Amino acid sequence: MIAAQGREIGHSGWFTMDQARIDAFAEVTEDRQFIHIDPVRAADTMFGGTVAHGMLTLAMMSGMAYAALPAMVGQSASVNYGFEKVRFITPVRSGARIRGRFVLSDATVRGGDKLMTRFDVVVEIEGEARPALTADWLILYMF
């Protein structure tokens, strides 16, 4: 993995951001703002319909990572170490398809049995010029 610094490691397949997923996230987080859950009312906004929570899009990066990043030989676990520079750029409309692109920007061995990685992640929206979000994601791998 260290030798791959500066290169795209992979991208996920497309995930559909359907209204059922948005509604479920609204219930779990208790973020029931109308732009997320009320299609009739949201139709009269600048979005023209409901949009996903930015935090839902961010949370979906876990599934994208499972799909895009290769398993490492000898890995016992990996943990989310945090995010830096998260930016929500373009709203994700209900029904849109998104995917994650992962570039390994840094990889450092820690303590001989851990690897701290930093991925530059871009979540793309199919058919949109600008991404849904960008983030630097720190993932700690343990061996």
N, C-alpha and C. Protein backbone atom coordinates (compact mmCIF):
# COMPACT_ATOMS: atom_id res chain seq x y z
N MET A 1 0.84 -1.20 0.00
CA MET A 1 0.00 0.00 0.00
C MET A 1 0.88 1.26 0.00
N ILE A 2 2.00 1.23 0.72
CA ILE A 2 2.87 2.41 0.80
C ILE A 2 3.34 2.82 -0.59
N ALA A 3 3.65 1.86 -1.43
CA ALA A 3 4.13 2.15 -2.78
C ALA A 3 3.08 2.80 -3.66
N ALA A 4 1.83 2.73 -3.28
CA ALA A 4 0.73 3.26 -4.09
C ALA A 4 0.40 4.72 -3.78
N GLN A 5 1.17 5.36 -2.91
CA GLN A 5 0.87 6.75 -2.54
C GLN A 5 0.82 7.63 -3.78
N GLY A 6 -0.19 8.50 -3.82
CA GLY A 6 -0.37 9.42 -4.93
C GLY A 6 -1.19 8.86 -6.08
N ARG A 7 -1.61 7.61 -5.96
CA ARG A 7 -2.36 6.99 -7.05
C ARG A 7 -3.79 6.68 -6.62
N GLU A 8 -4.67 6.64 -7.62
CA GLU A 8 -6.03 6.20 -7.34
C GLU A 8 -6.00 4.71 -7.05
N ILE A 9 -6.58 4.34 -5.91
CA ILE A 9 -6.62 2.94 -5.51
C ILE A 9 -7.83 2.24 -6.12
N GLY A 10 -8.91 2.98 -6.26
CA GLY A 10 -10.10 2.39 -6.85
C GLY A 10 -11.31 3.28 -6.71
N HIS A 11 -12.39 2.83 -7.30
CA HIS A 11 -13.67 3.52 -7.15
C HIS A 11 -14.75 2.47 -6.95
N SER A 12 -15.78 2.86 -6.25
CA SER A 12 -16.89 1.94 -6.00
C SER A 12 -17.80 1.88 -7.22
N GLY A 13 -18.74 0.97 -7.16
CA GLY A 13 -19.82 1.00 -8.13
C GLY A 13 -20.79 2.11 -7.74
N TRP A 14 -21.84 2.24 -8.51
CA TRP A 14 -22.84 3.27 -8.24
C TRP A 14 -23.83 2.80 -7.18
N PHE A 15 -24.16 3.70 -6.27
CA PHE A 15 -25.19 3.48 -5.25
C PHE A 15 -26.33 4.44 -5.54
N THR A 16 -27.57 3.96 -5.49
CA THR A 16 -28.73 4.83 -5.70
C THR A 16 -29.15 5.45 -4.38
N MET A 17 -29.27 6.76 -4.38
CA MET A 17 -29.72 7.50 -3.20
C MET A 17 -31.23 7.66 -3.33
N ASP A 18 -31.96 6.60 -2.99
CA ASP A 18 -33.41 6.65 -3.15
C ASP A 18 -34.08 7.26 -1.91
N GLN A 19 -35.35 7.59 -2.06
CA GLN A 19 -36.08 8.26 -0.98
C GLN A 19 -36.19 7.38 0.25
N ALA A 20 -36.31 6.08 0.07
CA ALA A 20 -36.41 5.18 1.23
C ALA A 20 -35.15 5.25 2.08
N ARG A 21 -33.99 5.33 1.45
CA ARG A 21 -32.71 5.44 2.18
C ARG A 21 -32.66 6.77 2.93
N ILE A 22 -33.08 7.84 2.27
CA ILE A 22 -33.08 9.17 2.88
C ILE A 22 -34.04 9.20 4.07
N ASP A 23 -35.23 8.64 3.90
CA ASP A 23 -36.21 8.61 4.99
C ASP A 23 -35.70 7.81 6.18
N ALA A 24 -35.06 6.67 5.91
CA ALA A 24 -34.52 5.84 7.00
C ALA A 24 -33.44 6.59 7.77
N PHE A 25 -32.59 7.31 7.06
CA PHE A 25 -31.54 8.09 7.72
C PHE A 25 -32.15 9.20 8.56
N ALA A 26 -33.19 9.84 8.04
CA ALA A 26 -33.88 10.90 8.79
C ALA A 26 -34.43 10.36 10.10
N GLU A 27 -34.99 9.17 10.07
CA GLU A 27 -35.54 8.57 11.29
C GLU A 27 -34.45 8.23 12.29
N VAL A 28 -33.39 7.61 11.82
CA VAL A 28 -32.31 7.19 12.73
C VAL A 28 -31.64 8.40 13.38
N THR A 29 -31.44 9.46 12.62
CA THR A 29 -30.72 10.64 13.14
C THR A 29 -31.65 11.70 13.72
N GLU A 30 -32.95 11.52 13.51
CA GLU A 30 -33.96 12.51 13.93
C GLU A 30 -33.77 13.86 13.24
N ASP A 31 -33.18 13.83 12.05
CA ASP A 31 -33.04 15.02 11.22
C ASP A 31 -34.13 14.95 10.15
N ARG A 32 -35.29 15.49 10.49
CA ARG A 32 -36.45 15.38 9.62
C ARG A 32 -36.76 16.70 8.91
N GLN A 33 -35.73 17.44 8.55
CA GLN A 33 -35.95 18.68 7.82
C GLN A 33 -36.70 18.36 6.52
N PHE A 34 -37.65 19.21 6.17
CA PHE A 34 -38.56 18.92 5.06
C PHE A 34 -37.84 18.73 3.73
N ILE A 35 -36.70 19.36 3.52
CA ILE A 35 -36.00 19.21 2.24
C ILE A 35 -35.54 17.78 2.01
N HIS A 36 -35.52 16.98 3.08
CA HIS A 36 -35.11 15.59 2.97
C HIS A 36 -36.30 14.63 2.85
N ILE A 37 -37.42 14.96 3.50
CA ILE A 37 -38.48 13.95 3.63
C ILE A 37 -39.85 14.33 3.06
N ASP A 38 -40.00 15.56 2.60
CA ASP A 38 -41.31 16.00 2.09
C ASP A 38 -41.18 16.39 0.62
N PRO A 39 -41.41 15.44 -0.30
CA PRO A 39 -41.23 15.72 -1.72
C PRO A 39 -42.09 16.87 -2.24
N VAL A 40 -43.31 17.01 -1.74
CA VAL A 40 -44.21 18.07 -2.22
C VAL A 40 -43.66 19.43 -1.82
N ARG A 41 -43.35 19.59 -0.57
CA ARG A 41 -42.83 20.87 -0.08
C ARG A 41 -41.43 21.16 -0.66
N ALA A 42 -40.59 20.13 -0.75
CA ALA A 42 -39.24 20.32 -1.28
C ALA A 42 -39.24 20.68 -2.76
N ALA A 43 -40.31 20.33 -3.47
CA ALA A 43 -40.40 20.66 -4.89
C ALA A 43 -40.39 22.16 -5.13
N ASP A 44 -40.83 22.93 -4.14
CA ASP A 44 -40.88 24.39 -4.27
C ASP A 44 -39.58 25.07 -3.84
N THR A 45 -38.55 24.30 -3.53
CA THR A 45 -37.27 24.89 -3.13
C THR A 45 -36.32 24.96 -4.31
N MET A 46 -35.17 25.52 -4.09
CA MET A 46 -34.14 25.61 -5.13
C MET A 46 -33.67 24.23 -5.59
N PHE A 47 -33.95 23.18 -4.78
CA PHE A 47 -33.52 21.82 -5.14
C PHE A 47 -34.50 21.14 -6.09
N GLY A 48 -35.74 21.60 -6.13
CA GLY A 48 -36.75 21.02 -7.01
C GLY A 48 -37.25 19.65 -6.56
N GLY A 49 -36.93 19.27 -5.36
CA GLY A 49 -37.33 17.97 -4.80
C GLY A 49 -36.47 17.67 -3.59
N THR A 50 -36.65 16.50 -3.04
CA THR A 50 -35.89 16.16 -1.83
C THR A 50 -34.43 15.88 -2.16
N VAL A 51 -33.59 16.13 -1.17
CA VAL A 51 -32.15 15.88 -1.28
C VAL A 51 -31.70 15.07 -0.06
N ALA A 52 -30.64 14.32 -0.25
CA ALA A 52 -30.07 13.53 0.83
C ALA A 52 -29.37 14.44 1.84
N HIS A 53 -29.34 14.00 3.07
CA HIS A 53 -28.54 14.67 4.09
C HIS A 53 -27.06 14.56 3.67
N GLY A 54 -26.31 15.62 3.86
CA GLY A 54 -24.88 15.54 3.60
C GLY A 54 -24.22 14.46 4.43
N MET A 55 -24.67 14.32 5.67
CA MET A 55 -24.09 13.31 6.55
C MET A 55 -24.41 11.89 6.08
N LEU A 56 -25.53 11.70 5.40
CA LEU A 56 -25.84 10.40 4.83
C LEU A 56 -24.85 10.07 3.72
N THR A 57 -24.59 11.04 2.86
CA THR A 57 -23.63 10.83 1.79
C THR A 57 -22.26 10.50 2.37
N LEU A 58 -21.86 11.23 3.40
CA LEU A 58 -20.58 10.96 4.07
C LEU A 58 -20.56 9.54 4.65
N ALA A 59 -21.64 9.16 5.31
CA ALA A 59 -21.71 7.83 5.93
C ALA A 59 -21.63 6.71 4.89
N MET A 60 -22.14 6.96 3.71
CA MET A 60 -22.12 5.93 2.67
C MET A 60 -20.71 5.64 2.15
N MET A 61 -19.76 6.50 2.51
CA MET A 61 -18.38 6.25 2.09
C MET A 61 -17.85 4.93 2.64
N SER A 62 -18.37 4.47 3.78
CA SER A 62 -17.93 3.18 4.31
C SER A 62 -18.22 2.05 3.33
N GLY A 63 -19.44 2.00 2.83
CA GLY A 63 -19.80 0.98 1.85
C GLY A 63 -19.02 1.14 0.56
N MET A 64 -18.77 2.39 0.18
CA MET A 64 -17.98 2.64 -1.02
C MET A 64 -16.55 2.12 -0.84
N ALA A 65 -15.99 2.33 0.35
CA ALA A 65 -14.63 1.86 0.62
C ALA A 65 -14.55 0.34 0.55
N TYR A 66 -15.55 -0.35 1.12
CA TYR A 66 -15.55 -1.81 1.04
C TYR A 66 -15.53 -2.27 -0.42
N ALA A 67 -16.23 -1.54 -1.27
CA ALA A 67 -16.31 -1.92 -2.68
C ALA A 67 -15.06 -1.53 -3.46
N ALA A 68 -14.37 -0.46 -3.05
CA ALA A 68 -13.29 0.10 -3.86
C ALA A 68 -11.89 -0.27 -3.41
N LEU A 69 -11.70 -0.48 -2.12
CA LEU A 69 -10.34 -0.68 -1.60
C LEU A 69 -10.03 -2.16 -1.48
N PRO A 70 -8.83 -2.55 -1.89
CA PRO A 70 -8.47 -3.97 -1.81
C PRO A 70 -8.20 -4.41 -0.38
N ALA A 71 -8.45 -5.68 -0.11
CA ALA A 71 -8.09 -6.25 1.19
C ALA A 71 -6.57 -6.37 1.24
N MET A 72 -6.01 -6.18 2.43
CA MET A 72 -4.57 -6.30 2.59
C MET A 72 -4.23 -7.61 3.28
N VAL A 73 -3.23 -8.28 2.77
CA VAL A 73 -2.80 -9.56 3.33
C VAL A 73 -2.38 -9.38 4.78
N GLY A 74 -2.93 -10.20 5.65
CA GLY A 74 -2.57 -10.16 7.06
C GLY A 74 -3.32 -9.15 7.89
N GLN A 75 -4.21 -8.41 7.28
CA GLN A 75 -4.97 -7.39 8.01
C GLN A 75 -5.93 -8.06 8.99
N SER A 76 -5.90 -7.61 10.25
CA SER A 76 -6.84 -8.16 11.24
C SER A 76 -8.07 -7.27 11.40
N ALA A 77 -7.89 -5.97 11.18
CA ALA A 77 -9.01 -5.02 11.31
C ALA A 77 -8.61 -3.69 10.71
N SER A 78 -9.61 -2.87 10.47
CA SER A 78 -9.37 -1.47 10.09
C SER A 78 -10.41 -0.63 10.82
N VAL A 79 -10.00 0.59 11.18
CA VAL A 79 -10.91 1.47 11.90
C VAL A 79 -10.89 2.86 11.28
N ASN A 80 -12.04 3.50 11.35
CA ASN A 80 -12.18 4.88 10.92
C ASN A 80 -11.44 5.75 11.94
N TYR A 81 -10.42 6.47 11.50
CA TYR A 81 -9.63 7.31 12.40
C TYR A 81 -10.09 8.76 12.37
N GLY A 82 -10.88 9.12 11.35
CA GLY A 82 -11.44 10.46 11.29
C GLY A 82 -11.39 11.07 9.90
N PHE A 83 -11.92 12.27 9.81
CA PHE A 83 -11.97 13.01 8.55
C PHE A 83 -11.35 14.38 8.72
N GLU A 84 -10.80 14.89 7.65
CA GLU A 84 -10.34 16.27 7.59
C GLU A 84 -10.84 16.86 6.28
N LYS A 85 -11.06 18.14 6.29
CA LYS A 85 -11.44 18.87 5.07
C LYS A 85 -12.67 18.29 4.38
N VAL A 86 -13.70 17.97 5.15
CA VAL A 86 -14.95 17.50 4.54
C VAL A 86 -15.67 18.71 3.96
N ARG A 87 -16.07 18.62 2.71
CA ARG A 87 -16.80 19.69 2.05
C ARG A 87 -17.99 19.10 1.30
N PHE A 88 -19.17 19.63 1.57
CA PHE A 88 -20.39 19.22 0.87
C PHE A 88 -20.58 20.21 -0.28
N ILE A 89 -20.39 19.76 -1.49
CA ILE A 89 -20.32 20.67 -2.64
C ILE A 89 -21.62 20.74 -3.42
N THR A 90 -22.18 19.60 -3.78
CA THR A 90 -23.40 19.56 -4.58
C THR A 90 -24.44 18.67 -3.89
N PRO A 91 -25.67 19.17 -3.73
CA PRO A 91 -26.70 18.33 -3.11
C PRO A 91 -26.97 17.07 -3.94
N VAL A 92 -27.24 15.99 -3.24
CA VAL A 92 -27.58 14.72 -3.90
C VAL A 92 -29.10 14.59 -3.90
N ARG A 93 -29.69 14.68 -5.07
CA ARG A 93 -31.15 14.59 -5.18
C ARG A 93 -31.62 13.14 -5.01
N SER A 94 -32.80 13.00 -4.49
CA SER A 94 -33.39 11.67 -4.37
C SER A 94 -33.44 11.02 -5.74
N GLY A 95 -32.99 9.79 -5.82
CA GLY A 95 -32.95 9.06 -7.08
C GLY A 95 -31.62 9.12 -7.79
N ALA A 96 -30.74 10.02 -7.36
CA ALA A 96 -29.42 10.15 -8.00
C ALA A 96 -28.54 8.96 -7.65
N ARG A 97 -27.54 8.73 -8.50
CA ARG A 97 -26.57 7.66 -8.23
C ARG A 97 -25.22 8.30 -7.90
N ILE A 98 -24.57 7.74 -6.87
CA ILE A 98 -23.29 8.27 -6.42
C ILE A 98 -22.26 7.14 -6.33
N ARG A 99 -20.99 7.52 -6.41
CA ARG A 99 -19.91 6.56 -6.20
C ARG A 99 -18.71 7.28 -5.61
N GLY A 100 -17.83 6.52 -4.99
CA GLY A 100 -16.64 7.10 -4.37
C GLY A 100 -15.38 6.76 -5.14
N ARG A 101 -14.49 7.75 -5.25
CA ARG A 101 -13.16 7.56 -5.83
C ARG A 101 -12.14 7.77 -4.71
N PHE A 102 -11.17 6.87 -4.61
CA PHE A 102 -10.22 6.87 -3.51
C PHE A 102 -8.78 6.98 -4.03
N VAL A 103 -8.11 8.07 -3.66
CA VAL A 103 -6.70 8.26 -3.97
C VAL A 103 -5.93 8.17 -2.66
N LEU A 104 -4.92 7.32 -2.61
CA LEU A 104 -4.09 7.20 -1.41
C LEU A 104 -3.09 8.34 -1.39
N SER A 105 -3.26 9.29 -0.48
CA SER A 105 -2.35 10.43 -0.43
C SER A 105 -1.21 10.23 0.57
N ASP A 106 -1.39 9.31 1.54
CA ASP A 106 -0.32 9.07 2.51
C ASP A 106 -0.53 7.70 3.15
N ALA A 107 0.58 7.05 3.49
CA ALA A 107 0.55 5.78 4.21
C ALA A 107 1.81 5.70 5.05
N THR A 108 1.62 5.54 6.36
CA THR A 108 2.74 5.54 7.30
C THR A 108 2.62 4.36 8.25
N VAL A 109 3.70 3.60 8.39
CA VAL A 109 3.73 2.49 9.34
C VAL A 109 3.82 3.06 10.74
N ARG A 110 3.03 2.49 11.65
CA ARG A 110 3.03 2.91 13.05
C ARG A 110 3.21 1.69 13.94
N GLY A 111 4.26 1.74 14.74
CA GLY A 111 4.46 0.68 15.73
C GLY A 111 4.71 -0.70 15.16
N GLY A 112 5.01 -0.80 13.90
CA GLY A 112 5.33 -2.08 13.29
C GLY A 112 4.14 -2.94 12.90
N ASP A 113 2.98 -2.74 13.53
CA ASP A 113 1.83 -3.59 13.21
C ASP A 113 0.59 -2.81 12.80
N LYS A 114 0.79 -1.52 12.49
CA LYS A 114 -0.33 -0.68 12.07
C LYS A 114 0.09 0.15 10.86
N LEU A 115 -0.88 0.49 10.04
CA LEU A 115 -0.64 1.35 8.89
C LEU A 115 -1.69 2.45 8.90
N MET A 116 -1.24 3.70 9.06
CA MET A 116 -2.15 4.85 9.01
C MET A 116 -2.20 5.33 7.57
N THR A 117 -3.40 5.39 7.01
CA THR A 117 -3.57 5.83 5.63
C THR A 117 -4.44 7.08 5.58
N ARG A 118 -4.20 7.87 4.56
CA ARG A 118 -5.02 9.04 4.28
C ARG A 118 -5.46 8.93 2.83
N PHE A 119 -6.77 8.93 2.65
CA PHE A 119 -7.34 8.86 1.31
C PHE A 119 -8.00 10.18 0.97
N ASP A 120 -7.71 10.70 -0.22
CA ASP A 120 -8.47 11.82 -0.77
C ASP A 120 -9.67 11.18 -1.46
N VAL A 121 -10.85 11.47 -0.94
CA VAL A 121 -12.07 10.83 -1.45
C VAL A 121 -12.94 11.88 -2.14
N VAL A 122 -13.44 11.52 -3.29
CA VAL A 122 -14.41 12.34 -4.02
C VAL A 122 -15.64 11.47 -4.23
N VAL A 123 -16.79 11.95 -3.78
CA VAL A 123 -18.05 11.25 -4.04
C VAL A 123 -18.70 11.94 -5.23
N GLU A 124 -18.76 11.22 -6.33
CA GLU A 124 -19.30 11.75 -7.58
C GLU A 124 -20.80 11.49 -7.67
N ILE A 125 -21.48 12.35 -8.40
CA ILE A 125 -22.89 12.18 -8.72
C ILE A 125 -22.97 11.92 -10.22
N GLU A 126 -23.59 10.82 -10.60
CA GLU A 126 -23.70 10.48 -12.01
C GLU A 126 -24.37 11.61 -12.78
N GLY A 127 -23.71 12.07 -13.86
CA GLY A 127 -24.26 13.11 -14.71
C GLY A 127 -24.03 14.53 -14.23
N GLU A 128 -23.38 14.71 -13.09
CA GLU A 128 -23.10 16.05 -12.56
C GLU A 128 -21.62 16.38 -12.75
N ALA A 129 -21.34 17.63 -13.07
CA ALA A 129 -19.95 18.05 -13.25
C ALA A 129 -19.21 18.18 -11.92
N ARG A 130 -19.94 18.58 -10.88
CA ARG A 130 -19.31 18.79 -9.58
C ARG A 130 -19.67 17.64 -8.63
N PRO A 131 -18.76 17.29 -7.74
CA PRO A 131 -19.02 16.17 -6.83
C PRO A 131 -20.00 16.52 -5.72
N ALA A 132 -20.51 15.48 -5.08
CA ALA A 132 -21.35 15.66 -3.90
C ALA A 132 -20.51 16.15 -2.74
N LEU A 133 -19.36 15.51 -2.56
CA LEU A 133 -18.49 15.91 -1.45
C LEU A 133 -17.06 15.50 -1.73
N THR A 134 -16.16 16.14 -1.00
CA THR A 134 -14.75 15.75 -0.97
C THR A 134 -14.34 15.66 0.49
N ALA A 135 -13.39 14.77 0.77
CA ALA A 135 -12.92 14.62 2.15
C ALA A 135 -11.56 13.94 2.16
N ASP A 136 -10.78 14.25 3.18
CA ASP A 136 -9.57 13.49 3.50
C ASP A 136 -9.98 12.52 4.60
N TRP A 137 -9.83 11.24 4.35
CA TRP A 137 -10.29 10.21 5.28
C TRP A 137 -9.10 9.42 5.80
N LEU A 138 -8.99 9.37 7.11
CA LEU A 138 -7.92 8.62 7.77
C LEU A 138 -8.46 7.25 8.19
N ILE A 139 -7.79 6.21 7.74
CA ILE A 139 -8.16 4.84 8.10
C ILE A 139 -6.91 4.16 8.66
N LEU A 140 -7.06 3.55 9.83
CA LEU A 140 -5.96 2.83 10.48
C LEU A 140 -6.16 1.34 10.28
N TYR A 141 -5.17 0.72 9.65
CA TYR A 141 -5.19 -0.73 9.43
C TYR A 141 -4.31 -1.39 10.48
N MET A 142 -4.79 -2.52 11.00
CA MET A 142 -4.04 -3.27 12.00
C MET A 142 -3.74 -4.66 11.47
N PHE A 143 -2.54 -5.13 11.77
CA PHE A 143 -2.07 -6.44 11.28
C PHE A 143 -1.69 -7.34 12.43
